[in-house]
C-alpha atoms as a PDB file:
ATOM      1  CA  MET A   1    -158.965-106.657 -65.797  1.00  0.00           C
ATOM      2  CA  ASP A   2    -158.993-102.849 -65.213  1.00  0.00           C
ATOM      3  CA  LYS A   3    -156.889-100.426 -67.303  1.00  0.00           C
ATOM      4  CA  PRO A   4    -153.600-100.839 -65.159  1.00  0.00           C
ATOM      5  CA  GLN A   5    -153.579-104.581 -65.141  1.00  0.00           C
ATOM      6  CA  GLN A   6    -153.712-104.309 -68.313  1.00  0.00           C
ATOM      7  CA  GLU A   7    -150.882-102.249 -69.066  1.00  0.00           C
ATOM      8  CA  PHE A   8    -148.526-103.466 -67.713  1.00  0.00           C
ATOM      9  CA  ALA A   9    -149.982-107.512 -68.270  1.00  0.00           C
ATOM     10  CA  ALA A  10    -149.957-106.110 -71.523  1.00  0.00           C
ATOM     11  CA  PRO A  11    -146.646-107.650 -73.601  1.00  0.00           C
ATOM     12  CA  GLY A  12    -143.309-105.180 -74.265  1.00  0.00           C
ATOM     13  CA  PHE A  13    -144.302-103.823 -70.611  1.00  0.00           C
ATOM     14  CA  GLU A  14    -140.759-104.673 -69.654  1.00  0.00           C
ATOM     15  CA  HIS A  15    -140.116-100.448 -70.077  1.00  0.00           C
ATOM     16  CA  LYS A  16    -141.757-100.276 -67.539  1.00  0.00           C
ATOM     17  CA  GLN A  17    -140.438-102.508 -64.424  1.00  0.00           C
ATOM     18  CA  PRO A  18    -138.531-100.777 -62.543  1.00  0.00           C
ATOM     19  CA  GLN A  19    -134.975-101.567 -61.762  1.00  0.00           C
ATOM     20  CA  LEU A  20    -132.477-101.847 -58.770  1.00  0.00           C
ATOM     21  CA  THR A  21    -128.845-101.588 -59.072  1.00  0.00           C
ATOM     22  CA  ARG A  22    -127.096-104.055 -57.160  1.00  0.00           C
ATOM     23  CA  PRO A  23    -122.944-104.791 -57.754  1.00  0.00           C
ATOM     24  CA  GLY A  24    -123.041-107.211 -60.493  1.00  0.00           C
ATOM     25  CA  GLY A  25    -126.085-105.763 -62.502  1.00  0.00           C
ATOM     26  CA  TYR A  26    -130.134-104.910 -62.343  1.00  0.00           C
ATOM     27  CA  LEU A  27    -132.490-106.738 -60.303  1.00  0.00           C
ATOM     28  CA  THR A  28    -136.661-106.828 -61.306  1.00  0.00           C
ATOM     29  CA  PRO A  29    -138.830-106.464 -58.606  1.00  0.00           C
ATOM     30  CA  VAL A  30    -140.794-109.514 -59.720  1.00  0.00           C
ATOM     31  CA  ALA A  31    -142.871-109.457 -55.649  1.00  0.00           C
ATOM     32  CA  TYR A  32    -143.694-106.348 -53.880  1.00  0.00           C
ATOM     33  CA  LEU A  33    -145.024-106.155 -49.596  1.00  0.00           C
ATOM     34  CA  TRP A  34    -147.483-103.774 -49.352  1.00  0.00           C
ATOM     35  CA  THR A  35    -148.279-103.006 -45.375  1.00  0.00           C
ATOM     36  CA  ARG A  36    -149.921-100.536 -43.006  1.00  0.00           C
ATOM     37  CA  THR A  37    -148.251 -99.104 -40.296  1.00  0.00           C
ATOM     38  CA  VAL A  38    -147.796 -96.967 -36.959  1.00  0.00           C
ATOM     39  CA  ARG A  39    -145.776 -95.657 -35.099  1.00  0.00           C
ATOM     40  CA  CYS A  40    -144.221 -96.876 -31.751  1.00  0.00           C
ATOM     41  CA  LYS A  41    -146.556 -96.999 -28.868  1.00  0.00           C
ATOM     42  CA  ARG A  42    -143.426 -96.823 -26.602  1.00  0.00           C
ATOM     43  CA  LEU A  43    -142.544 -92.589 -26.851  1.00  0.00           C
ATOM     44  CA  ASP A  44    -138.573 -92.491 -26.818  1.00  0.00           C
ATOM     45  CA  CYS A  45    -138.128 -95.185 -29.951  1.00  0.00           C
ATOM     46  CA  GLU A  46    -140.485 -93.849 -32.290  1.00  0.00           C
ATOM     47  CA  ALA A  47    -139.315 -96.729 -35.197  1.00  0.00           C
ATOM     48  CA  THR A  48    -142.637 -97.467 -37.857  1.00  0.00           C
ATOM     49  CA  VAL A  49    -144.492-100.718 -36.830  1.00  0.00           C
ATOM     50  CA  PRO A  50    -145.335-102.789 -40.494  1.00  0.00           C
ATOM     51  CA  LEU A  51    -148.602-104.492 -39.692  1.00  0.00           C
ATOM     52  CA  VAL A  52    -148.071-107.942 -41.032  1.00  0.00           C
ATOM     53  CA  ARG A  53    -149.580-111.213 -40.724  1.00  0.00           C
ATOM     54  CA  GLN A  54    -146.571-112.999 -42.198  1.00  0.00           C
ATOM     55  CA  THR A  55    -143.833-112.641 -44.615  1.00  0.00           C
ATOM     56  CA  TRP A  56    -144.005-116.170 -46.216  1.00  0.00           C
ATOM     57  CA  LEU A  57    -143.228-115.492 -49.934  1.00  0.00           C
ATOM     58  CA  CYS A  58    -143.013-119.543 -50.979  1.00  0.00           C
ATOM     59  CA  LYS A  59    -143.740-122.638 -49.141  1.00  0.00           C
ATOM     60  CA  LYS A  60    -142.946-125.783 -51.331  1.00  0.00           C
ATOM     61  CA  ALA A  61    -141.194-128.487 -50.383  1.00  0.00           C
ATOM     62  CA  GLY A  62    -137.720-127.594 -50.932  1.00  0.00           C
ATOM     63  CA  ARG A  63    -138.063-124.111 -51.840  1.00  0.00           C
ATOM     64  CA  PHE A  64    -138.701-121.952 -49.069  1.00  0.00           C
ATOM     65  CA  VAL A  65    -138.582-118.125 -48.938  1.00  0.00           C
ATOM     66  CA  ALA A  66    -139.486-115.129 -46.525  1.00  0.00           C
ATOM     67  CA  LEU A  67    -138.941-111.908 -45.617  1.00  0.00           C
ATOM     68  CA  GLN A  68    -136.636-111.249 -42.508  1.00  0.00           C
ATOM     69  CA  VAL A  69    -138.105-107.863 -40.938  1.00  0.00           C
ATOM     70  CA  SER A  70    -135.302-105.703 -38.822  1.00  0.00           C
ATOM     71  CA  PRO A  71    -134.608-102.332 -37.891  1.00  0.00           C
ATOM     72  CA  GLY A  72    -133.309 -99.801 -39.941  1.00  0.00           C
ATOM     73  CA  ALA A  73    -130.793 -97.253 -39.249  1.00  0.00           C
ATOM     74  CA  ASP A  74    -133.719 -94.780 -39.537  1.00  0.00           C
ATOM     75  CA  ASN A  75    -136.146 -96.124 -36.690  1.00  0.00           C
ATOM     76  CA  ARG A  76    -138.315 -97.874 -40.528  1.00  0.00           C
ATOM     77  CA  PRO A  77    -138.407-101.555 -41.655  1.00  0.00           C
ATOM     78  CA  ARG A  78    -135.924-102.976 -44.013  1.00  0.00           C
ATOM     79  CA  PHE A  79    -136.890-106.219 -45.623  1.00  0.00           C
ATOM     80  CA  THR A  80    -134.342-109.031 -46.135  1.00  0.00           C
ATOM     81  CA  ARG A  81    -135.339-111.754 -48.482  1.00  0.00           C
ATOM     82  CA  VAL A  82    -134.644-115.196 -47.084  1.00  0.00           C
ATOM     83  CA  GLN A  83    -134.391-118.787 -48.415  1.00  0.00           C
ATOM     84  CA  SER A  84    -134.038-122.668 -47.304  1.00  0.00           C
ATOM     85  CA  ALA A  85    -133.776-125.984 -49.153  1.00  0.00           C
ATOM     86  CA  HIS A  86    -134.770-127.197 -46.383  1.00  0.00           C
ATOM     87  CA  ARG A  87    -137.677-130.619 -46.966  1.00  0.00           C
ATOM     88  CA  SER A  88    -140.246-129.025 -44.032  1.00  0.00           C
ATOM     89  CA  GLU A  89    -141.282-125.931 -43.101  1.00  0.00           C
ATOM     90  CA  GLN A  90    -140.276-126.454 -39.348  1.00  0.00           C
ATOM     91  CA  GLN A  91    -136.249-126.938 -40.541  1.00  0.00           C
ATOM     92  CA  ALA A  92    -136.168-124.004 -42.747  1.00  0.00           C
ATOM     93  CA  ILE A  93    -138.298-121.483 -39.171  1.00  0.00           C
ATOM     94  CA  GLN A  94    -134.718-123.219 -37.850  1.00  0.00           C
ATOM     95  CA  ALA A  95    -132.209-122.086 -40.674  1.00  0.00           C
ATOM     96  CA  PHE A  96    -133.805-118.527 -40.223  1.00  0.00           C
ATOM     97  CA  GLY A  97    -133.980-118.072 -36.806  1.00  0.00           C
ATOM     98  CA  PHE A  98    -138.180-116.963 -37.216  1.00  0.00           C
ATOM     99  CA  ASP A  99    -140.960-117.723 -37.489  1.00  0.00           C
ATOM    100  CA  PRO A 100    -142.594-115.460 -40.916  1.00  0.00           C
ATOM    101  CA  GLY A 101    -146.024-116.755 -40.222  1.00  0.00           C
ATOM    102  CA  LYS A 102    -146.445-115.016 -36.266  1.00  0.00           C
ATOM    103  CA  PHE A 103    -146.049-111.463 -36.767  1.00  0.00           C
ATOM    104  CA  SER A 104    -149.216-109.084 -36.592  1.00  0.00           C
ATOM    105  CA  LYS A 105    -152.282-111.562 -34.559  1.00  0.00           C
ATOM    106  CA  GLY A 106    -155.669-110.178 -33.745  1.00  0.00           C
ATOM    107  CA  GLY A 107    -154.344-106.394 -34.697  1.00  0.00           C
ATOM    108  CA  ASN A 108    -151.682-106.992 -32.258  1.00  0.00           C
ATOM    109  CA  ALA A 109    -148.253-105.739 -33.869  1.00  0.00           C
ATOM    110  CA  ALA A 110    -144.761-105.572 -31.822  1.00  0.00           C
ATOM    111  CA  CYS A 111    -142.263-102.832 -32.506  1.00  0.00           C
ATOM    112  CA  ILE A 112    -139.092-104.753 -34.324  1.00  0.00           C
ATOM    113  CA  SER A 113    -136.762-102.377 -32.599  1.00  0.00           C
ATOM    114  CA  CYS A 114    -137.729-102.558 -28.928  1.00  0.00           C
ATOM    115  CA  GLY A 115    -140.574-105.678 -28.496  1.00  0.00           C
ATOM    116  CA  THR A 116    -143.486-102.710 -27.031  1.00  0.00           C
ATOM    117  CA  VAL A 117    -146.612-104.293 -28.794  1.00  0.00           C
ATOM    118  CA  ALA A 118    -148.673-102.160 -29.654  1.00  0.00           C
ATOM    119  CA  ASP A 119    -152.897-102.849 -29.314  1.00  0.00           C
ATOM    120  CA  SER A 120    -155.315-103.137 -31.224  1.00  0.00           C
ATOM    121  CA  GLU A 121    -157.098-100.269 -29.349  1.00  0.00           C
ATOM    122  CA  TYR A 122    -154.082 -98.119 -30.167  1.00  0.00           C
ATOM    123  CA  VAL A 123    -153.435 -98.836 -34.006  1.00  0.00           C
ATOM    124  CA  LYS A 124    -157.293 -98.061 -34.377  1.00  0.00           C
ATOM    125  CA  GLN A 125    -156.069 -94.699 -32.263  1.00  0.00           C
ATOM    126  CA  GLU A 126    -153.657 -93.773 -35.010  1.00  0.00           C
ATOM    127  CA  GLY A 127    -155.920 -93.733 -37.819  1.00  0.00           C
ATOM    128  CA  ARG A 128    -153.525 -91.890 -39.940  1.00  0.00           C
ATOM    129  CA  ALA A 129    -150.829 -94.925 -40.541  1.00  0.00           C
ATOM    130  CA  ALA A 130    -148.463 -94.076 -43.535  1.00  0.00           C
ATOM    131  CA  TRP A 131    -148.586 -96.920 -46.159  1.00  0.00           C
ATOM    132  CA  THR A 132    -144.861 -98.593 -46.214  1.00  0.00           C
ATOM    133  CA  LEU A 133    -143.539-100.834 -49.692  1.00  0.00           C
ATOM    134  CA  ALA A 134    -141.318-102.963 -49.061  1.00  0.00           C
ATOM    135  CA  SER A 135    -139.821-104.763 -52.462  1.00  0.00           C
ATOM    136  CA  GLY A 136    -139.012-108.529 -51.996  1.00  0.00           C
ATOM    137  CA  CYS A 137    -136.957-108.383 -55.104  1.00  0.00           C
ATOM    138  CA  LEU A 138    -137.161-111.309 -56.289  1.00  0.00           C
ATOM    139  CA  SER A 139    -134.910-111.965 -59.739  1.00  0.00           C
ATOM    140  CA  ARG A 140    -135.825-114.265 -62.443  1.00  0.00           C
ATOM    141  CA  ARG A 141    -133.044-115.954 -63.588  1.00  0.00           C
END
């Protein structure tokens, strides 16, 4: 383990964890999703397109958890945690209304606002794409 990993893996590191405020208390994030992003290919859209292959967080019978990606007011992606207690993956996908395993494929990604596909050539041309942090907050209760 390198030094930063050891620092956060050591007992008593809880004071270094960020806390997110929500009505009724605080949540401590236990999972983060880092993803590369590009600007939408359509000039009049200008939304931020996350280049993420899948958003599954947990795929166990009786406990399916994923991040749902939706456009925010500022054209940046918003990630919302969704979960299902169904026994099969197909039932969970039906309950979610989207397939968390089908996002970016082969370098091609669809815009979450307008649906325009940013193909792999466009993604390569966007070499200066920004990093975006989306936190999927899972609280330990």
